[in-house]
Amino acid sequence: MNMLTKDFTDAVEKQFSVLGKDVQEALVAAKTAEAIALELAQKADAYRGSDGSHVETWGEQFSSAPELKSFADDHSRPGRFRMEVKQTLTTASNSAGALSEPYRDGLVTLPQRRLMVRNLLPVVQISTGSIEYPKQTTRTNAANTVAEGNLKPESAYAFTLTSLTPKVIAHWVPASRQILEDVPQLKGIIDSELLHGLALKEDAQILMGDGTGENLSGLITNATAYSAPVTVTSPNMLDQIALAILQTTLADYTPTGIVMHPSDWMRIRLLKDGDGKYLLGDPGANVPAVLFGLPVVATTSMTVDKFLVGDFRAAATLYDRWTPRVEVSTEHADFFTRNLVAILAEERIALAVKNALALTYGDFGNVA
């Protein structure tokens, strides 16, 4: 009888031991699942921007700044608030900030064109009010084979030190003081209008600035005139682009892009062969804006019937002295007594075109 009791007790203890192990494993699995769920929730929050980790637009950065709320709440005296915004600009606008609950629909703005000329160039951040760079003016390459004991040839290179100063691009708009408490509308004005307006003017200055007064000396102003390096019978627009690429290549540069007006890109897109078939693909095809392996930047900043081919990274450098900044102030005319504010956006940039032979500028000849 004692033997049976002992066997029964051992069996029960063994079973409880197995059950306890299962319970422990179940608890560990539950904790693991909880940790995974928490991690997923945190990632989802980060994607939505609830922890501030997503990249904010310029307007979000400005309108969510705590200093702006303090400025908006202080009606006792005139003053101003300034903030530099980060260069990164995204299309996401999913974090309204904590100043107030959004209650208005978004702004309905006029059409805006794409801005891409800056993206062709190397951009350098500077902290001084002037830029100096050595520019080569002479290259005499005398390199040659040399017999034993003979004098080696001497090459000649000459450089000149060139300097330039950054230029300010700015504009402002009047607004009611109440807009400081209306986060979505303030964010929309900054992102959709003020900073876009800066970029629009910057685009035109980089491309076509004439270098006088406070204008940049642009890419086209310094480019080399197109001159066909070889003869082609009855050249069309594609032939002209190919010859411009060749001209740049013969100057010992490697072209990286093409700039033209959208109207000219569409003219090229509509070119047909002798059978009436489109050269670049059927109308229903998704044809990338690429010619001879180079990306085509179609921008209305470019003059109709003109083209610019170049090794843009070797040709020029864009310098950012001030990244885009936004400032709000009541210290303008009678704005303080009228409960108005001035919202200012500005930047300060410089452009150095270092190698004019790396840029080829020409005319398609379709417009008289």
Protein backbone atom coordinates (compact mmCIF):
# COMPACT_ATOMS: atom_id res chain seq x y z
CA MET A 1 0.00 0.00 0.00
CA ASN A 2 2.82 2.40 0.85
CA MET A 3 4.46 1.53 -2.42
CA LEU A 4 1.30 2.42 -4.35
CA THR A 5 0.97 5.70 -2.46
CA LYS A 6 4.58 6.60 -3.25
CA ASP A 7 4.15 5.77 -6.94
CA PHE A 8 0.96 7.87 -7.09
CA THR A 9 2.66 10.79 -5.33
CA ASP A 10 5.65 10.65 -7.70
CA ALA A 11 3.35 10.58 -10.72
CA VAL A 12 1.36 13.59 -9.49
CA GLU A 13 4.55 15.58 -8.75
CA LYS A 14 5.93 14.73 -12.19
CA GLN A 15 2.71 15.88 -13.85
CA PHE A 16 2.72 19.15 -11.86
CA SER A 17 6.34 19.65 -12.89
CA VAL A 18 5.40 19.25 -16.56
CA LEU A 19 2.44 21.58 -16.16
CA GLY A 20 4.62 24.15 -14.39
CA LYS A 21 7.12 24.07 -17.25
CA ASP A 22 4.29 24.58 -19.76
CA VAL A 23 2.93 27.48 -17.74
CA GLN A 24 6.39 29.08 -17.60
CA GLU A 25 6.80 28.70 -21.37
CA ALA A 26 3.33 30.18 -21.90
CA LEU A 27 4.19 33.17 -19.72
CA VAL A 28 7.45 33.74 -21.61
CA ALA A 29 5.59 33.52 -24.93
CA ALA A 30 2.98 36.00 -23.71
CA LYS A 31 5.65 38.46 -22.63
CA THR A 32 7.41 38.09 -25.98
CA ALA A 33 4.15 38.71 -27.84
CA GLU A 34 3.49 41.75 -25.67
CA ALA A 35 6.95 43.15 -26.43
CA ILE A 36 6.46 42.61 -30.17
CA ALA A 37 3.05 44.30 -30.05
CA LEU A 38 4.54 47.25 -28.15
CA GLU A 39 7.36 47.58 -30.69
CA LEU A 40 4.89 47.52 -33.59
CA ALA A 41 2.73 50.14 -31.88
CA GLN A 42 5.76 52.37 -31.33
CA LYS A 43 6.76 52.01 -34.98
CA ALA A 44 3.23 52.86 -36.05
CA ASP A 45 3.27 55.92 -33.81
CA ALA A 46 6.60 56.96 -35.25
CA TYR A 47 5.23 56.62 -38.78
CA ARG A 48 2.24 58.75 -37.86
CA GLY A 49 4.57 61.26 -36.23
CA SER A 50 3.13 60.96 -32.73
CA ASP A 51 6.63 60.81 -31.24
CA GLY A 52 8.00 63.53 -33.50
CA SER A 53 10.38 61.16 -35.30
CA HIS A 54 9.00 61.66 -38.81
CA VAL A 55 10.55 64.32 -41.03
CA GLU A 56 8.50 67.49 -40.69
CA THR A 57 7.76 69.99 -43.41
CA TRP A 58 9.07 73.53 -43.04
CA GLY A 59 5.63 74.73 -42.05
CA GLU A 60 5.28 72.04 -39.38
CA GLN A 61 8.64 72.90 -37.86
CA PHE A 62 7.72 76.57 -37.63
CA SER A 63 4.09 76.29 -36.55
CA SER A 64 4.80 73.68 -33.84
CA ALA A 65 7.65 75.62 -32.20
CA PRO A 66 6.85 76.39 -28.53
CA GLU A 67 8.45 79.83 -28.93
CA LEU A 68 5.84 80.70 -31.55
CA LYS A 69 3.03 79.93 -29.09
CA SER A 70 4.65 82.21 -26.50
CA PHE A 71 4.95 84.95 -29.11
CA ALA A 72 1.32 84.51 -30.18
CA ASP A 73 0.06 84.63 -26.58
CA ASP A 74 1.97 87.81 -25.71
CA HIS A 75 -0.16 90.80 -26.78
CA SER A 76 1.49 93.29 -24.43
CA ARG A 77 4.11 94.68 -26.81
CA PRO A 78 5.40 94.48 -30.36
CA GLY A 79 8.08 91.92 -31.12
CA ARG A 80 9.34 89.30 -33.49
CA PHE A 81 10.02 85.56 -33.67
CA ARG A 82 12.57 83.96 -35.99
CA MET A 83 13.31 80.33 -36.74
CA GLU A 84 15.62 78.61 -39.19
CA VAL A 85 13.96 75.60 -40.78
CA LYS A 86 15.64 72.37 -41.80
CA GLN A 87 16.39 71.85 -45.48
CA THR A 88 14.51 68.56 -45.72
CA LEU A 89 11.10 69.10 -47.29
CA THR A 90 8.62 66.24 -47.50
CA THR A 91 5.13 65.94 -48.86
CA ALA A 92 3.87 64.41 -45.62
CA SER A 93 1.83 66.77 -43.47
CA ASN A 94 0.49 64.48 -40.79
CA SER A 95 1.59 66.23 -37.58
CA ALA A 96 -0.46 69.32 -36.79
CA GLY A 97 1.41 70.22 -33.61
CA ALA A 98 0.01 71.02 -30.20
CA LEU A 99 -0.93 74.69 -30.46
CA SER A 100 -4.54 74.06 -31.32
CA GLU A 101 -6.86 71.49 -32.81
CA PRO A 102 -7.14 71.80 -36.63
CA TYR A 103 -10.60 72.92 -37.69
CA ARG A 104 -10.13 74.46 -41.15
CA ASP A 105 -9.76 72.74 -44.47
CA GLY A 106 -6.41 72.98 -46.23
CA LEU A 107 -5.41 75.89 -48.44
CA VAL A 108 -6.36 75.81 -52.10
CA THR A 109 -3.35 77.30 -53.88
CA LEU A 110 -2.44 78.12 -57.45
CA PRO A 111 -0.46 75.58 -59.53
CA GLN A 112 3.22 75.26 -58.70
CA ARG A 113 5.94 74.02 -61.01
CA ARG A 114 8.54 71.44 -60.10
CA LEU A 115 11.91 72.78 -59.01
CA MET A 116 14.87 70.67 -59.94
CA VAL A 117 17.82 72.81 -61.06
CA ARG A 118 19.32 72.86 -57.52
CA ASN A 119 19.28 69.06 -57.53
CA LEU A 120 21.74 68.97 -60.42
CA LEU A 121 24.45 70.78 -58.46
CA PRO A 122 26.70 70.03 -55.50
CA VAL A 123 25.54 72.12 -52.51
CA VAL A 124 27.92 73.33 -49.79
CA GLN A 125 26.90 74.89 -46.45
CA ILE A 126 29.07 77.91 -45.53
CA SER A 127 29.32 80.15 -42.45
CA THR A 128 31.13 83.17 -43.90
CA GLY A 129 29.99 86.20 -45.87
CA SER A 130 32.24 85.57 -48.86
CA ILE A 131 33.58 82.68 -50.91
CA GLU A 132 36.96 82.42 -52.60
CA TYR A 133 38.03 79.67 -54.97
CA PRO A 134 40.99 79.22 -57.36
CA LYS A 135 39.94 79.08 -61.00
CA GLN A 136 42.25 77.64 -63.62
CA THR A 137 42.93 80.00 -66.54
CA THR A 138 45.78 78.25 -68.37
CA ARG A 139 46.71 74.64 -69.01
CA THR A 140 49.71 73.78 -71.15
CA ASN A 141 50.21 70.03 -71.01
CA ALA A 142 53.73 69.18 -72.15
CA ALA A 143 53.77 65.61 -70.86
CA ASN A 144 55.76 63.36 -73.22
CA THR A 145 58.06 60.39 -73.32
CA VAL A 146 61.65 61.19 -72.34
CA ALA A 147 64.83 59.46 -73.43
CA GLU A 148 67.41 58.60 -70.80
CA GLY A 149 69.51 61.61 -69.87
CA ASN A 150 67.31 64.13 -71.71
CA LEU A 151 65.63 67.16 -70.18
CA LYS A 152 62.04 66.56 -69.13
CA PRO A 153 59.32 68.85 -70.57
CA GLU A 154 57.71 71.51 -68.38
CA SER A 155 53.94 72.00 -68.25
CA ALA A 156 52.31 75.30 -67.32
CA TYR A 157 49.18 75.87 -65.25
CA ALA A 158 47.83 79.23 -64.13
CA PHE A 159 45.11 79.98 -61.59
CA THR A 160 43.33 83.12 -60.51
CA LEU A 161 41.60 83.63 -57.17
CA THR A 162 37.92 84.37 -57.67
CA SER A 163 35.60 85.69 -54.96
CA LEU A 164 31.86 86.15 -54.67
CA THR A 165 29.32 87.07 -52.00
CA PRO A 166 26.03 85.34 -51.20
CA LYS A 167 22.81 87.02 -52.34
CA VAL A 168 19.57 87.29 -50.37
CA ILE A 169 16.28 86.01 -51.79
CA ALA A 170 13.31 87.08 -49.66
CA HIS A 171 9.63 88.00 -49.59
CA TRP A 172 6.94 88.52 -46.96
CA VAL A 173 3.17 88.58 -46.54
CA PRO A 174 0.89 90.39 -44.06
CA ALA A 175 -1.46 88.23 -42.00
CA SER A 176 -3.79 88.54 -39.04
CA ARG A 177 -2.35 87.69 -35.64
CA GLN A 178 -5.00 85.02 -35.26
CA ILE A 179 -3.24 82.95 -37.92
CA LEU A 180 -0.50 82.18 -35.39
CA GLU A 181 -3.04 80.10 -33.49
CA ASP A 182 -4.40 78.43 -36.62
CA VAL A 183 -1.72 75.80 -37.15
CA PRO A 184 -2.89 74.17 -40.40
CA GLN A 185 -3.33 77.50 -42.20
CA LEU A 186 0.02 78.85 -40.98
CA LYS A 187 1.75 75.64 -42.02
CA GLY A 188 0.07 75.80 -45.42
CA ILE A 189 1.13 79.39 -46.06
CA ILE A 190 4.75 78.61 -45.17
CA ASP A 191 5.03 75.35 -47.12
CA SER A 192 2.82 76.14 -50.10
CA GLU A 193 3.56 79.79 -50.72
CA LEU A 194 6.44 81.47 -48.88
CA LEU A 195 9.12 78.80 -49.14
CA HIS A 196 7.93 77.63 -52.54
CA GLY A 197 8.25 81.23 -53.72
CA LEU A 198 11.86 81.30 -52.53
CA ALA A 199 12.65 78.08 -54.38
CA LEU A 200 10.93 79.36 -57.51
CA LYS A 201 13.11 82.47 -57.64
CA GLU A 202 16.19 80.46 -56.71
CA ASP A 203 15.50 78.12 -59.63
CA ALA A 204 15.41 81.00 -62.10
CA GLN A 205 18.48 82.69 -60.60
CA ILE A 206 20.60 79.53 -60.72
CA LEU A 207 19.68 79.01 -64.34
CA MET A 208 19.46 82.52 -65.77
CA GLY A 209 20.83 85.08 -63.28
CA ASP A 210 22.75 87.77 -65.20
CA GLY A 211 25.29 88.54 -62.46
CA THR A 212 24.39 92.23 -62.18
CA GLY A 213 23.44 93.93 -58.91
CA GLU A 214 22.07 91.38 -56.46
CA ASN A 215 21.57 88.67 -59.10
CA LEU A 216 23.50 85.42 -59.21
CA SER A 217 25.71 84.75 -62.20
CA GLY A 218 23.77 81.78 -63.55
CA LEU A 219 24.61 78.65 -65.48
CA ILE A 220 23.37 79.94 -68.83
CA THR A 221 25.13 83.28 -68.41
CA ASN A 222 28.46 81.45 -68.15
CA ALA A 223 27.80 78.52 -70.50
CA THR A 224 29.69 77.87 -73.73
CA ALA A 225 27.72 78.53 -76.92
CA TYR A 226 26.65 75.45 -78.87
CA SER A 227 28.65 74.83 -82.03
CA ALA A 228 28.12 71.48 -83.75
CA PRO A 229 31.46 69.61 -83.63
CA VAL A 230 30.53 67.44 -86.63
CA THR A 231 28.25 67.97 -89.61
CA VAL A 232 24.87 66.24 -89.72
CA THR A 233 22.52 66.65 -92.69
CA SER A 234 19.20 68.27 -91.72
CA PRO A 235 19.66 67.80 -87.96
CA ASN A 236 16.52 67.44 -85.86
CA MET A 237 16.19 68.18 -82.13
CA LEU A 238 17.60 64.79 -81.15
CA ASP A 239 20.62 65.36 -83.36
CA GLN A 240 21.22 68.75 -81.75
CA ILE A 241 21.14 67.30 -78.25
CA ALA A 242 23.52 64.52 -79.31
CA LEU A 243 25.94 67.05 -80.82
CA ALA A 244 25.78 69.20 -77.66
CA ILE A 245 26.66 66.11 -75.62
CA LEU A 246 29.57 65.49 -77.98
CA GLN A 247 30.73 69.11 -77.69
CA THR A 248 30.82 68.84 -73.89
CA THR A 249 32.57 65.47 -74.09
CA LEU A 250 35.25 66.82 -76.44
CA ALA A 251 35.94 69.51 -73.81
CA ASP A 252 36.94 66.63 -71.48
CA TYR A 253 33.77 66.69 -69.39
CA THR A 254 31.19 63.95 -68.89
CA PRO A 255 27.64 65.30 -69.32
CA THR A 256 25.27 64.46 -66.47
CA GLY A 257 22.00 66.10 -67.55
CA ILE A 258 19.94 68.10 -70.02
CA VAL A 259 17.70 71.08 -69.25
CA MET A 260 14.95 72.29 -71.58
CA HIS A 261 11.44 73.76 -71.54
CA PRO A 262 8.54 71.26 -71.24
CA SER A 263 7.30 72.41 -74.66
CA ASP A 264 10.57 71.33 -76.26
CA TRP A 265 10.55 68.00 -74.45
CA MET A 266 7.07 67.37 -75.84
CA ARG A 267 8.24 68.33 -79.35
CA ILE A 268 10.93 65.67 -79.06
CA ARG A 269 8.45 63.20 -77.62
CA LEU A 270 6.23 63.71 -80.70
CA LEU A 271 8.96 63.09 -83.28
CA LYS A 272 7.99 60.31 -85.74
CA ASP A 273 9.81 58.13 -88.24
CA GLY A 274 8.95 57.75 -91.92
CA ASP A 275 6.10 55.35 -91.09
CA GLY A 276 4.48 57.76 -88.64
CA LYS A 277 5.61 55.86 -85.54
CA TYR A 278 6.78 57.81 -82.50
CA LEU A 279 10.55 57.58 -82.10
CA LEU A 280 10.53 57.50 -78.30
CA GLY A 281 7.66 55.06 -77.90
CA ASP A 282 3.91 54.77 -78.35
CA PRO A 283 1.64 57.40 -76.73
CA GLY A 284 0.41 54.82 -74.22
CA ALA A 285 3.92 53.91 -73.10
CA ASN A 286 5.53 55.30 -69.96
CA VAL A 287 8.54 57.01 -71.54
CA PRO A 288 11.11 58.29 -69.02
CA ALA A 289 12.56 61.74 -69.64
CA VAL A 290 15.93 60.44 -70.78
CA LEU A 291 17.93 61.17 -73.95
CA PHE A 292 21.14 59.34 -74.81
CA GLY A 293 21.28 58.00 -71.27
CA LEU A 294 21.05 61.44 -69.64
CA PRO A 295 18.10 62.67 -67.52
CA VAL A 296 16.08 65.52 -69.02
CA VAL A 297 15.01 68.27 -66.61
CA ALA A 298 11.94 69.88 -68.17
CA THR A 299 11.33 73.16 -66.35
CA THR A 300 9.48 76.35 -67.23
CA SER A 301 12.41 78.28 -65.75
CA MET A 302 14.07 77.53 -69.08
CA THR A 303 13.35 79.65 -72.17
CA VAL A 304 11.32 77.94 -74.90
CA ASP A 305 13.42 76.61 -77.82
CA LYS A 306 16.66 76.60 -75.79
CA PHE A 307 18.65 73.74 -74.29
CA LEU A 308 21.45 73.34 -71.76
CA VAL A 309 23.64 70.24 -71.70
CA GLY A 310 26.38 69.86 -69.14
CA ASP A 311 28.47 68.15 -66.56
CA PHE A 312 26.66 70.05 -63.83
CA ARG A 313 28.60 68.69 -60.86
CA ALA A 314 31.89 69.76 -62.41
CA ALA A 315 30.50 73.02 -63.80
CA ALA A 316 29.29 74.80 -60.67
CA THR A 317 28.81 74.75 -56.90
CA LEU A 318 25.86 76.18 -54.97
CA TYR A 319 26.63 77.66 -51.54
CA ASP A 320 24.03 77.98 -48.76
CA ARG A 321 24.88 80.83 -46.37
CA TRP A 322 21.41 80.99 -44.84
CA THR A 323 19.19 77.98 -45.04
CA PRO A 324 15.56 79.05 -45.56
CA ARG A 325 14.37 80.90 -42.45
CA VAL A 326 10.95 82.17 -41.43
CA GLU A 327 10.36 85.23 -39.22
CA VAL A 328 7.15 86.66 -37.75
CA SER A 329 7.00 90.23 -36.50
CA THR A 330 4.51 92.91 -35.44
CA GLU A 331 7.19 95.61 -35.83
CA HIS A 332 6.05 96.84 -39.21
CA ALA A 333 4.17 100.11 -39.78
CA ASP A 334 1.00 100.03 -37.66
CA PHE A 335 0.71 96.22 -37.58
CA PHE A 336 0.87 96.09 -33.75
CA THR A 337 -2.18 98.32 -33.31
CA ARG A 338 -4.06 96.60 -36.13
CA ASN A 339 -3.42 93.10 -34.74
CA LEU A 340 -1.46 92.13 -37.84
CA VAL A 341 1.85 90.32 -38.31
CA ALA A 342 4.38 90.18 -41.12
CA ILE A 343 5.57 86.68 -42.07
CA LEU A 344 8.96 86.80 -43.80
CA ALA A 345 10.82 83.99 -45.60
CA GLU A 346 14.38 84.43 -46.80
CA GLU A 347 17.55 82.61 -47.76
CA ARG A 348 21.09 83.63 -48.73
CA ILE A 349 22.93 81.71 -51.44
CA ALA A 350 25.86 82.01 -53.84
CA LEU A 351 26.62 80.23 -57.10
CA ALA A 352 30.12 79.69 -58.47
CA VAL A 353 30.31 78.59 -62.10
CA LYS A 354 33.83 77.18 -62.19
CA ASN A 355 34.04 75.44 -65.55
CA ALA A 356 32.19 77.15 -68.40
CA LEU A 357 33.29 74.49 -70.91
CA ALA A 358 31.32 71.92 -68.90
CA LEU A 359 28.08 73.66 -69.98
CA THR A 360 26.78 73.85 -73.56
CA TYR A 361 23.88 76.22 -74.28
CA GLY A 362 22.09 76.27 -77.60
CA ASP A 363 19.00 77.03 -79.66
CA PHE A 364 16.79 74.42 -81.33
CA GLY A 365 15.83 76.93 -84.02
CA ASN A 366 12.10 76.15 -84.01
CA VAL A 367 11.00 79.62 -82.89
CA ALA A 368 11.93 82.72 -84.89
